[in-house]
Amino acid sequence: MAGYYNQARILDPVTFATVQVLPSIPGSVTSGQAGRTYPMEGASLLLPQHAPYTDPITVLICGGSNFGIALDNCVTIQPESANPTWVIERMVRPLLLHLMKVTD
């Protein structure tokens, strides 16, 4: 079972109640327990949307660590899709990311 650092949920914006539990965020090819959130030091953001805003929302999470060893991948998910799944893409090298910025 994954720890809290790999859990993903959609929350009600008013009550903060869990609306949907998403699949556990994959860590690395060697350990599903590698973490993405503090204290594992990954970073996340929503990819930009453009008018007419009909594309699905996509969340990008990069970096993190496998208990002291930086991860070498990013993961994406479209949480509002009918069957959301995480997609892993390898980076050139392992990174701990504290801040990310997407520019168009």
PDB file of N, CA and C in Angstrom:
ATOM      1  N   MET A   1       0.834  -1.179   0.000  1.00  0.00           N
ATOM      2  CA  MET A   1       0.000   0.000   0.000  1.00  0.00           C
ATOM      3  C   MET A   1       0.878   1.241   0.000  1.00  0.00           C
ATOM      4  N   ALA A   2       0.540   2.210  -0.831  1.00  0.00           N
ATOM      5  CA  ALA A   2       1.321   3.432  -0.928  1.00  0.00           C
ATOM      6  C   ALA A   2       1.109   4.305   0.302  1.00  0.00           C
ATOM      7  N   GLY A   3       2.118   5.099   0.618  1.00  0.00           N
ATOM      8  CA  GLY A   3       2.004   6.038   1.725  1.00  0.00           C
ATOM      9  C   GLY A   3       1.251   7.287   1.302  1.00  0.00           C
ATOM     10  N   TYR A   4       1.051   8.179   2.251  1.00  0.00           N
ATOM     11  CA  TYR A   4       0.307   9.412   1.970  1.00  0.00           C
ATOM     12  C   TYR A   4       0.947  10.225   0.854  1.00  0.00           C
ATOM     13  N   TYR A   5       2.241  10.094   0.661  1.00  0.00           N
ATOM     14  CA  TYR A   5       2.968  10.875  -0.338  1.00  0.00           C
ATOM     15  C   TYR A   5       2.724  10.390  -1.764  1.00  0.00           C
ATOM     16  N   ASN A   6       1.934   9.378  -1.952  1.00  0.00           N
ATOM     17  CA  ASN A   6       1.577   8.887  -3.291  1.00  0.00           C
ATOM     18  C   ASN A   6       0.067   8.879  -3.510  1.00  0.00           C
ATOM     19  N   GLN A   7      -0.684   9.430  -2.581  1.00  0.00           N
ATOM     20  CA  GLN A   7      -2.132   9.441  -2.718  1.00  0.00           C
ATOM     21  C   GLN A   7      -2.577  10.644  -3.538  1.00  0.00           C
ATOM     22  N   ALA A   8      -3.630  10.457  -4.302  1.00  0.00           N
ATOM     23  CA  ALA A   8      -4.199  11.541  -5.104  1.00  0.00           C
ATOM     24  C   ALA A   8      -5.716  11.493  -4.962  1.00  0.00           C
ATOM     25  N   ARG A   9      -6.310  12.635  -4.683  1.00  0.00           N
ATOM     26  CA  ARG A   9      -7.751  12.723  -4.480  1.00  0.00           C
ATOM     27  C   ARG A   9      -8.294  13.993  -5.118  1.00  0.00           C
ATOM     28  N   ILE A  10      -9.546  13.940  -5.528  1.00  0.00           N
ATOM     29  CA  ILE A  10     -10.268  15.130  -5.932  1.00  0.00           C
ATOM     30  C   ILE A  10     -11.167  15.492  -4.758  1.00  0.00           C
ATOM     31  N   LEU A  11     -11.041  16.736  -4.286  1.00  0.00           N
ATOM     32  CA  LEU A  11     -11.797  17.182  -3.123  1.00  0.00           C
ATOM     33  C   LEU A  11     -12.898  18.159  -3.522  1.00  0.00           C
ATOM     34  N   ASP A  12     -13.985  18.152  -2.753  1.00  0.00           N
ATOM     35  CA  ASP A  12     -15.031  19.146  -2.915  1.00  0.00           C
ATOM     36  C   ASP A  12     -14.448  20.493  -2.486  1.00  0.00           C
ATOM     37  N   PRO A  13     -14.554  21.538  -3.317  1.00  0.00           N
ATOM     38  CA  PRO A  13     -13.920  22.816  -2.986  1.00  0.00           C
ATOM     39  C   PRO A  13     -14.540  23.544  -1.791  1.00  0.00           C
ATOM     40  N   VAL A  14     -15.738  23.162  -1.380  1.00  0.00           N
ATOM     41  CA  VAL A  14     -16.391  23.824  -0.254  1.00  0.00           C
ATOM     42  C   VAL A  14     -16.187  23.036   1.041  1.00  0.00           C
ATOM     43  N   THR A  15     -16.457  21.738   1.002  1.00  0.00           N
ATOM     44  CA  THR A  15     -16.405  20.932   2.225  1.00  0.00           C
ATOM     45  C   THR A  15     -15.077  20.201   2.411  1.00  0.00           C
ATOM     46  N   PHE A  16     -14.280  20.141   1.360  1.00  0.00           N
ATOM     47  CA  PHE A  16     -13.019  19.395   1.353  1.00  0.00           C
ATOM     48  C   PHE A  16     -13.218  17.892   1.530  1.00  0.00           C
ATOM     49  N   ALA A  17     -14.448  17.426   1.339  1.00  0.00           N
ATOM     50  CA  ALA A  17     -14.721  15.988   1.377  1.00  0.00           C
ATOM     51  C   ALA A  17     -14.148  15.338   0.113  1.00  0.00           C
ATOM     52  N   THR A  18     -13.732  14.107   0.208  1.00  0.00           N
ATOM     53  CA  THR A  18     -13.200  13.391  -0.947  1.00  0.00           C
ATOM     54  C   THR A  18     -14.326  13.086  -1.916  1.00  0.00           C
ATOM     55  N   VAL A  19     -14.184  13.554  -3.152  1.00  0.00           N
ATOM     56  CA  VAL A  19     -15.149  13.290  -4.214  1.00  0.00           C
ATOM     57  C   VAL A  19     -14.747  12.033  -4.968  1.00  0.00           C
ATOM     58  N   GLN A  20     -13.428  11.882  -5.217  1.00  0.00           N
ATOM     59  CA  GLN A  20     -12.923  10.727  -5.950  1.00  0.00           C
ATOM     60  C   GLN A  20     -11.504  10.430  -5.493  1.00  0.00           C
ATOM     61  N   VAL A  21     -11.207   9.147  -5.306  1.00  0.00           N
ATOM     62  CA  VAL A  21      -9.854   8.715  -5.007  1.00  0.00           C
ATOM     63  C   VAL A  21      -9.227   8.262  -6.329  1.00  0.00           C
ATOM     64  N   LEU A  22      -8.117   8.872  -6.695  1.00  0.00           N
ATOM     65  CA  LEU A  22      -7.421   8.515  -7.933  1.00  0.00           C
ATOM     66  C   LEU A  22      -6.437   7.390  -7.652  1.00  0.00           C
ATOM     67  N   PRO A  23      -5.931   6.745  -8.712  1.00  0.00           N
ATOM     68  CA  PRO A  23      -4.926   5.698  -8.492  1.00  0.00           C
ATOM     69  C   PRO A  23      -3.698   6.275  -7.787  1.00  0.00           C
ATOM     70  N   SER A  24      -2.992   5.437  -7.044  1.00  0.00           N
ATOM     71  CA  SER A  24      -1.761   5.882  -6.391  1.00  0.00           C
ATOM     72  C   SER A  24      -0.768   6.369  -7.435  1.00  0.00           C
ATOM     73  N   ILE A  25      -0.071   7.439  -7.104  1.00  0.00           N
ATOM     74  CA  ILE A  25       0.912   8.011  -8.022  1.00  0.00           C
ATOM     75  C   ILE A  25       2.125   7.083  -8.070  1.00  0.00           C
ATOM     76  N   PRO A  26       2.532   6.647  -9.270  1.00  0.00           N
ATOM     77  CA  PRO A  26       3.710   5.775  -9.346  1.00  0.00           C
ATOM     78  C   PRO A  26       4.967   6.529  -8.942  1.00  0.00           C
ATOM     79  N   GLY A  27       5.879   5.813  -8.305  1.00  0.00           N
ATOM     80  CA  GLY A  27       7.130   6.430  -7.891  1.00  0.00           C
ATOM     81  C   GLY A  27       8.201   6.300  -8.943  1.00  0.00           C
ATOM     82  N   SER A  28       8.789   5.133  -9.034  1.00  0.00           N
ATOM     83  CA  SER A  28       9.864   4.910  -9.997  1.00  0.00           C
ATOM     84  C   SER A  28       9.737   3.504 -10.549  1.00  0.00           C
ATOM     85  N   VAL A  29      10.558   3.198 -11.516  1.00  0.00           N
ATOM     86  CA  VAL A  29      10.518   1.859 -12.097  1.00  0.00           C
ATOM     87  C   VAL A  29      11.007   0.810 -11.113  1.00  0.00           C
ATOM     88  N   THR A  30      11.722   1.239 -10.073  1.00  0.00           N
ATOM     89  CA  THR A  30      12.235   0.279  -9.097  1.00  0.00           C
ATOM     90  C   THR A  30      11.447   0.257  -7.794  1.00  0.00           C
ATOM     91  N   SER A  31      10.620   1.303  -7.545  1.00  0.00           N
ATOM     92  CA  SER A  31       9.887   1.342  -6.291  1.00  0.00           C
ATOM     93  C   SER A  31       8.610   2.155  -6.429  1.00  0.00           C
ATOM     94  N   GLY A  32       7.476   1.519  -6.241  1.00  0.00           N
ATOM     95  CA  GLY A  32       6.210   2.226  -6.239  1.00  0.00           C
ATOM     96  C   GLY A  32       6.039   3.074  -5.004  1.00  0.00           C
ATOM     97  N   GLN A  33       6.882   2.894  -4.009  1.00  0.00           N
ATOM     98  CA  GLN A  33       6.786   3.639  -2.759  1.00  0.00           C
ATOM     99  C   GLN A  33       7.523   4.980  -2.800  1.00  0.00           C
ATOM    100  N   ALA A  34       8.261   5.253  -3.863  1.00  0.00           N
ATOM    101  CA  ALA A  34       8.953   6.537  -3.956  1.00  0.00           C
ATOM    102  C   ALA A  34       7.927   7.653  -3.907  1.00  0.00           C
ATOM    103  N   GLY A  35       8.275   8.761  -3.278  1.00  0.00           N
ATOM    104  CA  GLY A  35       7.291   9.809  -3.029  1.00  0.00           C
ATOM    105  C   GLY A  35       7.415  11.022  -3.919  1.00  0.00           C
ATOM    106  N   ARG A  36       6.325  11.757  -4.020  1.00  0.00           N
ATOM    107  CA  ARG A  36       6.266  12.964  -4.843  1.00  0.00           C
ATOM    108  C   ARG A  36       6.058  14.213  -4.018  1.00  0.00           C
ATOM    109  N   THR A  37       5.482  14.111  -2.821  1.00  0.00           N
ATOM    110  CA  THR A  37       5.186  15.289  -2.025  1.00  0.00           C
ATOM    111  C   THR A  37       6.112  15.363  -0.819  1.00  0.00           C
ATOM    112  N   TYR A  38       6.064  16.491  -0.113  1.00  0.00           N
ATOM    113  CA  TYR A  38       6.938  16.709   1.035  1.00  0.00           C
ATOM    114  C   TYR A  38       6.868  15.528   1.994  1.00  0.00           C
ATOM    115  N   PRO A  39       7.955  14.996   2.489  1.00  0.00           N
ATOM    116  CA  PRO A  39       9.310  15.507   2.385  1.00  0.00           C
ATOM    117  C   PRO A  39      10.093  14.958   1.194  1.00  0.00           C
ATOM    118  N   MET A  40       9.419  14.366   0.232  1.00  0.00           N
ATOM    119  CA  MET A  40      10.111  13.735  -0.882  1.00  0.00           C
ATOM    120  C   MET A  40      10.526  14.726  -1.968  1.00  0.00           C
ATOM    121  N   GLU A  41      10.012  15.967  -1.922  1.00  0.00           N
ATOM    122  CA  GLU A  41      10.464  17.086  -2.750  1.00  0.00           C
ATOM    123  C   GLU A  41      10.241  16.970  -4.249  1.00  0.00           C
ATOM    124  N   GLY A  42       9.043  16.646  -4.661  1.00  0.00           N
ATOM    125  CA  GLY A  42       8.646  16.765  -6.055  1.00  0.00           C
ATOM    126  C   GLY A  42       7.884  18.070  -6.223  1.00  0.00           C
ATOM    127  N   ALA A  43       7.464  18.383  -7.423  1.00  0.00           N
ATOM    128  CA  ALA A  43       6.678  19.591  -7.675  1.00  0.00           C
ATOM    129  C   ALA A  43       5.561  19.248  -8.652  1.00  0.00           C
ATOM    130  N   SER A  44       4.436  19.946  -8.539  1.00  0.00           N
ATOM    131  CA  SER A  44       3.303  19.661  -9.415  1.00  0.00           C
ATOM    132  C   SER A  44       2.691  20.954  -9.928  1.00  0.00           C
ATOM    133  N   LEU A  45       1.987  20.838 -11.047  1.00  0.00           N
ATOM    134  CA  LEU A  45       1.272  21.974 -11.615  1.00  0.00           C
ATOM    135  C   LEU A  45       0.220  21.485 -12.589  1.00  0.00           C
ATOM    136  N   LEU A  46      -0.722  22.373 -12.908  1.00  0.00           N
ATOM    137  CA  LEU A  46      -1.707  22.105 -13.961  1.00  0.00           C
ATOM    138  C   LEU A  46      -1.132  22.626 -15.264  1.00  0.00           C
ATOM    139  N   LEU A  47      -1.236  21.838 -16.324  1.00  0.00           N
ATOM    140  CA  LEU A  47      -0.767  22.320 -17.622  1.00  0.00           C
ATOM    141  C   LEU A  47      -1.718  23.405 -18.118  1.00  0.00           C
ATOM    142  N   PRO A  48      -1.212  24.363 -18.898  1.00  0.00           N
ATOM    143  CA  PRO A  48      -2.042  25.494 -19.336  1.00  0.00           C
ATOM    144  C   PRO A  48      -3.249  25.065 -20.156  1.00  0.00           C
ATOM    145  N   GLN A  49      -4.305  25.849 -20.028  1.00  0.00           N
ATOM    146  CA  GLN A  49      -5.529  25.675 -20.801  1.00  0.00           C
ATOM    147  C   GLN A  49      -5.649  26.854 -21.766  1.00  0.00           C
ATOM    148  N   HIS A  50      -6.294  26.638 -22.884  1.00  0.00           N
ATOM    149  CA  HIS A  50      -6.500  27.696 -23.871  1.00  0.00           C
ATOM    150  C   HIS A  50      -7.963  27.697 -24.299  1.00  0.00           C
ATOM    151  N   ALA A  51      -8.483  28.876 -24.614  1.00  0.00           N
ATOM    152  CA  ALA A  51      -9.873  28.996 -25.081  1.00  0.00           C
ATOM    153  C   ALA A  51     -10.073  28.082 -26.274  1.00  0.00           C
ATOM    154  N   PRO A  52     -11.160  27.393 -26.368  1.00  0.00           N
ATOM    155  CA  PRO A  52     -12.404  27.478 -25.590  1.00  0.00           C
ATOM    156  C   PRO A  52     -12.422  26.590 -24.350  1.00  0.00           C
ATOM    157  N   TYR A  53     -11.283  26.159 -23.852  1.00  0.00           N
ATOM    158  CA  TYR A  53     -11.174  25.405 -22.600  1.00  0.00           C
ATOM    159  C   TYR A  53     -11.938  24.085 -22.615  1.00  0.00           C
ATOM    160  N   THR A  54     -11.860  23.388 -23.723  1.00  0.00           N
ATOM    161  CA  THR A  54     -12.546  22.098 -23.842  1.00  0.00           C
ATOM    162  C   THR A  54     -11.597  20.911 -23.657  1.00  0.00           C
ATOM    163  N   ASP A  55     -10.285  21.169 -23.675  1.00  0.00           N
ATOM    164  CA  ASP A  55      -9.327  20.084 -23.460  1.00  0.00           C
ATOM    165  C   ASP A  55      -9.398  19.627 -22.003  1.00  0.00           C
ATOM    166  N   PRO A  56      -9.132  18.356 -21.759  1.00  0.00           N
ATOM    167  CA  PRO A  56      -9.167  17.878 -20.373  1.00  0.00           C
ATOM    168  C   PRO A  56      -8.047  18.522 -19.546  1.00  0.00           C
ATOM    169  N   ILE A  57      -8.312  18.718 -18.269  1.00  0.00           N
ATOM    170  CA  ILE A  57      -7.289  19.222 -17.352  1.00  0.00           C
ATOM    171  C   ILE A  57      -6.223  18.147 -17.196  1.00  0.00           C
ATOM    172  N   THR A  58      -4.959  18.557 -17.247  1.00  0.00           N
ATOM    173  CA  THR A  58      -3.850  17.623 -17.076  1.00  0.00           C
ATOM    174  C   THR A  58      -2.950  18.106 -15.941  1.00  0.00           C
ATOM    175  N   VAL A  59      -2.643  17.212 -15.014  1.00  0.00           N
ATOM    176  CA  VAL A  59      -1.754  17.495 -13.893  1.00  0.00           C
ATOM    177  C   VAL A  59      -0.396  16.889 -14.212  1.00  0.00           C
ATOM    178  N   LEU A  60       0.677  17.666 -13.990  1.00  0.00           N
ATOM    179  CA  LEU A  60       2.054  17.212 -14.196  1.00  0.00           C
ATOM    180  C   LEU A  60       2.767  17.237 -12.856  1.00  0.00           C
ATOM    181  N   ILE A  61       3.409  16.126 -12.511  1.00  0.00           N
ATOM    182  CA  ILE A  61       4.210  16.046 -11.289  1.00  0.00           C
ATOM    183  C   ILE A  61       5.591  15.541 -11.688  1.00  0.00           C
ATOM    184  N   CYS A  62       6.628  16.269 -11.306  1.00  0.00           N
ATOM    185  CA  CYS A  62       7.999  15.874 -11.643  1.00  0.00           C
ATOM    186  C   CYS A  62       8.836  15.774 -10.382  1.00  0.00           C
ATOM    187  N   GLY A  63       9.835  14.910 -10.449  1.00  0.00           N
ATOM    188  CA  GLY A  63      10.771  14.782  -9.350  1.00  0.00           C
ATOM    189  C   GLY A  63      10.185  14.037  -8.176  1.00  0.00           C
ATOM    190  N   GLY A  64      10.864  14.164  -7.072  1.00  0.00           N
ATOM    191  CA  GLY A  64      10.543  13.419  -5.878  1.00  0.00           C
ATOM    192  C   GLY A  64      11.732  12.542  -5.538  1.00  0.00           C
ATOM    193  N   SER A  65      11.557  11.645  -4.596  1.00  0.00           N
ATOM    194  CA  SER A  65      12.692  10.797  -4.234  1.00  0.00           C
ATOM    195  C   SER A  65      12.239   9.431  -3.754  1.00  0.00           C
ATOM    196  N   ASN A  66      13.167   8.521  -3.832  1.00  0.00           N
ATOM    197  CA  ASN A  66      12.974   7.157  -3.379  1.00  0.00           C
ATOM    198  C   ASN A  66      13.775   7.001  -2.093  1.00  0.00           C
ATOM    199  N   PHE A  67      13.325   7.715  -1.050  1.00  0.00           N
ATOM    200  CA  PHE A  67      13.969   7.686   0.258  1.00  0.00           C
ATOM    201  C   PHE A  67      15.455   8.025   0.160  1.00  0.00           C
ATOM    202  N   GLY A  68      15.739   9.224  -0.389  1.00  0.00           N
ATOM    203  CA  GLY A  68      17.108   9.714  -0.461  1.00  0.00           C
ATOM    204  C   GLY A  68      17.706   9.718  -1.849  1.00  0.00           C
ATOM    205  N   ILE A  69      17.117   9.006  -2.800  1.00  0.00           N
ATOM    206  CA  ILE A  69      17.620   8.961  -4.173  1.00  0.00           C
ATOM    207  C   ILE A  69      16.602   9.669  -5.061  1.00  0.00           C
ATOM    208  N   ALA A  70      17.022  10.736  -5.758  1.00  0.00           N
ATOM    209  CA  ALA A  70      16.107  11.519  -6.582  1.00  0.00           C
ATOM    210  C   ALA A  70      15.524  10.673  -7.707  1.00  0.00           C
ATOM    211  N   LEU A  71      14.246  10.940  -8.042  1.00  0.00           N
ATOM    212  CA  LEU A  71      13.575  10.236  -9.137  1.00  0.00           C
ATOM    213  C   LEU A  71      13.961  10.842 -10.478  1.00  0.00           C
ATOM    214  N   ASP A  72      13.894  10.027 -11.517  1.00  0.00           N
ATOM    215  CA  ASP A  72      14.273  10.479 -12.866  1.00  0.00           C
ATOM    216  C   ASP A  72      13.069  10.492 -13.798  1.00  0.00           C
ATOM    217  N   ASN A  73      11.876  10.826 -13.251  1.00  0.00           N
ATOM    218  CA  ASN A  73      10.695  10.809 -14.113  1.00  0.00           C
ATOM    219  C   ASN A  73       9.663  11.846 -13.695  1.00  0.00           C
ATOM    220  N   CYS A  74       8.752  12.087 -14.624  1.00  0.00           N
ATOM    221  CA  CYS A  74       7.567  12.917 -14.389  1.00  0.00           C
ATOM    222  C   CYS A  74       6.349  12.033 -14.639  1.00  0.00           C
ATOM    223  N   VAL A  75       5.228  12.389 -14.035  1.00  0.00           N
ATOM    224  CA  VAL A  75       3.988  11.676 -14.278  1.00  0.00           C
ATOM    225  C   VAL A  75       2.894  12.678 -14.622  1.00  0.00           C
ATOM    226  N   THR A  76       1.952  12.259 -15.458  1.00  0.00           N
ATOM    227  CA  THR A  76       0.804  13.088 -15.787  1.00  0.00           C
ATOM    228  C   THR A  76      -0.469  12.269 -15.605  1.00  0.00           C
ATOM    229  N   ILE A  77      -1.568  12.988 -15.365  1.00  0.00           N
ATOM    230  CA  ILE A  77      -2.879  12.366 -15.255  1.00  0.00           C
ATOM    231  C   ILE A  77      -3.927  13.400 -15.673  1.00  0.00           C
ATOM    232  N   GLN A  78      -5.003  12.910 -16.231  1.00  0.00           N
ATOM    233  CA  GLN A  78      -6.176  13.739 -16.505  1.00  0.00           C
ATOM    234  C   GLN A  78      -7.249  13.274 -15.527  1.00  0.00           C
ATOM    235  N   PRO A  79      -7.303  13.897 -14.339  1.00  0.00           N
ATOM    236  CA  PRO A  79      -8.108  13.364 -13.237  1.00  0.00           C
ATOM    237  C   PRO A  79      -9.606  13.327 -13.472  1.00  0.00           C
ATOM    238  N   GLU A  80     -10.115  14.137 -14.375  1.00  0.00           N
ATOM    239  CA  GLU A  80     -11.558  14.155 -14.594  1.00  0.00           C
ATOM    240  C   GLU A  80     -12.004  13.232 -15.725  1.00  0.00           C
ATOM    241  N   SER A  81     -11.068  12.481 -16.305  1.00  0.00           N
ATOM    242  CA  SER A  81     -11.432  11.549 -17.373  1.00  0.00           C
ATOM    243  C   SER A  81     -12.198  10.364 -16.782  1.00  0.00           C
ATOM    244  N   ALA A  82     -12.823   9.588 -17.643  1.00  0.00           N
ATOM    245  CA  ALA A  82     -13.641   8.458 -17.187  1.00  0.00           C
ATOM    246  C   ALA A  82     -12.825   7.407 -16.434  1.00  0.00           C
ATOM    247  N   ASN A  83     -11.604   7.170 -16.870  1.00  0.00           N
ATOM    248  CA  ASN A  83     -10.739   6.179 -16.229  1.00  0.00           C
ATOM    249  C   ASN A  83      -9.335   6.773 -16.084  1.00  0.00           C
ATOM    250  N   PRO A  84      -9.137   7.654 -15.100  1.00  0.00           N
ATOM    251  CA  PRO A  84      -7.837   8.323 -14.994  1.00  0.00           C
ATOM    252  C   PRO A  84      -6.706   7.349 -14.664  1.00  0.00           C
ATOM    253  N   THR A  85      -5.608   7.483 -15.383  1.00  0.00           N
ATOM    254  CA  THR A  85      -4.410   6.681 -15.131  1.00  0.00           C
ATOM    255  C   THR A  85      -3.189   7.577 -15.223  1.00  0.00           C
ATOM    256  N   TRP A  86      -2.161   7.214 -14.502  1.00  0.00           N
ATOM    257  CA  TRP A  86      -0.904   7.957 -14.515  1.00  0.00           C
ATOM    258  C   TRP A  86      -0.037   7.485 -15.669  1.00  0.00           C
ATOM    259  N   VAL A  87       0.643   8.416 -16.318  1.00  0.00           N
ATOM    260  CA  VAL A  87       1.583   8.108 -17.390  1.00  0.00           C
ATOM    261  C   VAL A  87       2.959   8.590 -16.933  1.00  0.00           C
ATOM    262  N   ILE A  88       3.959   7.707 -16.984  1.00  0.00           N
ATOM    263  CA  ILE A  88       5.325   8.054 -16.573  1.00  0.00           C
ATOM    264  C   ILE A  88       6.161   8.393 -17.799  1.00  0.00           C
ATOM    265  N   GLU A  89       6.941   9.469 -17.688  1.00  0.00           N
ATOM    266  CA  GLU A  89       7.910   9.824 -18.724  1.00  0.00           C
ATOM    267  C   GLU A  89       9.247  10.085 -18.044  1.00  0.00           C
ATOM    268  N   ARG A  90      10.285   9.425 -18.524  1.00  0.00           N
ATOM    269  CA  ARG A  90      11.612   9.560 -17.927  1.00  0.00           C
ATOM    270  C   ARG A  90      12.238  10.906 -18.262  1.00  0.00           C
ATOM    271  N   MET A  91      12.985  11.483 -17.320  1.00  0.00           N
ATOM    272  CA  MET A  91      13.750  12.704 -17.532  1.00  0.00           C
ATOM    273  C   MET A  91      15.194  12.328 -17.869  1.00  0.00           C
ATOM    274  N   VAL A  92      15.954  13.301 -18.289  1.00  0.00           N
ATOM    275  CA  VAL A  92      17.360  13.073 -18.647  1.00  0.00           C
ATOM    276  C   VAL A  92      18.165  12.636 -17.433  1.00  0.00           C
ATOM    277  N   ARG A  93      17.833  13.206 -16.255  1.00  0.00           N
ATOM    278  CA  ARG A  93      18.551  12.849 -15.030  1.00  0.00           C
ATOM    279  C   ARG A  93      17.624  13.037 -13.836  1.00  0.00           C
ATOM    280  N   PRO A  94      17.948  12.442 -12.706  1.00  0.00           N
ATOM    281  CA  PRO A  94      17.121  12.607 -11.514  1.00  0.00           C
ATOM    282  C   PRO A  94      17.133  14.057 -11.034  1.00  0.00           C
ATOM    283  N   LEU A  95      15.989  14.525 -10.538  1.00  0.00           N
ATOM    284  CA  LEU A  95      15.877  15.892 -10.041  1.00  0.00           C
ATOM    285  C   LEU A  95      14.998  15.948  -8.807  1.00  0.00           C
ATOM    286  N   LEU A  96      15.342  16.850  -7.903  1.00  0.00           N
ATOM    287  CA  LEU A  96      14.438  17.244  -6.834  1.00  0.00           C
ATOM    288  C   LEU A  96      13.953  18.622  -7.226  1.00  0.00           C
ATOM    289  N   LEU A  97      12.651  18.788  -7.431  1.00  0.00           N
ATOM    290  CA  LEU A  97      12.106  20.039  -7.950  1.00  0.00           C
ATOM    291  C   LEU A  97      11.292  20.749  -6.880  1.00  0.00           C
ATOM    292  N   HIS A  98      11.701  21.946  -6.552  1.00  0.00           N
ATOM    293  CA  HIS A  98      10.985  22.721  -5.550  1.00  0.00           C
ATOM    294  C   HIS A  98      10.030  23.725  -6.177  1.00  0.00           C
ATOM    295  N   LEU A  99      10.257  24.080  -7.438  1.00  0.00           N
ATOM    296  CA  LEU A  99       9.440  25.081  -8.091  1.00  0.00           C
ATOM    297  C   LEU A  99       9.399  24.788  -9.585  1.00  0.00           C
ATOM    298  N   MET A 100       8.213  24.865 -10.189  1.00  0.00           N
ATOM    299  CA  MET A 100       8.092  24.669 -11.627  1.00  0.00           C
ATOM    300  C   MET A 100       7.275  25.807 -12.206  1.00  0.00           C
ATOM    301  N   LYS A 101       7.571  26.177 -13.440  1.00  0.00           N
ATOM    302  CA  LYS A 101       6.832  27.232 -14.124  1.00  0.00           C
ATOM    303  C   LYS A 101       6.668  26.822 -15.574  1.00  0.00           C
ATOM    304  N   VAL A 102       5.446  26.892 -16.071  1.00  0.00           N
ATOM    305  CA  VAL A 102       5.179  26.588 -17.475  1.00  0.00           C
ATOM    306  C   VAL A 102       4.925  27.904 -18.196  1.00  0.00           C
ATOM    307  N   THR A 103       5.598  28.101 -19.301  1.00  0.00           N
ATOM    308  CA  THR A 103       5.355  29.299 -20.104  1.00  0.00           C
ATOM    309  C   THR A 103       4.876  28.868 -21.476  1.00  0.00           C
ATOM    310  N   ASP A 104       4.004  29.634 -22.061  1.00  0.00           N
ATOM    311  CA  ASP A 104       3.466  29.318 -23.386  1.00  0.00           C
ATOM    312  C   ASP A 104       4.290  30.010 -24.445  1.00  0.00           C
TER     313      ASP A 104
END
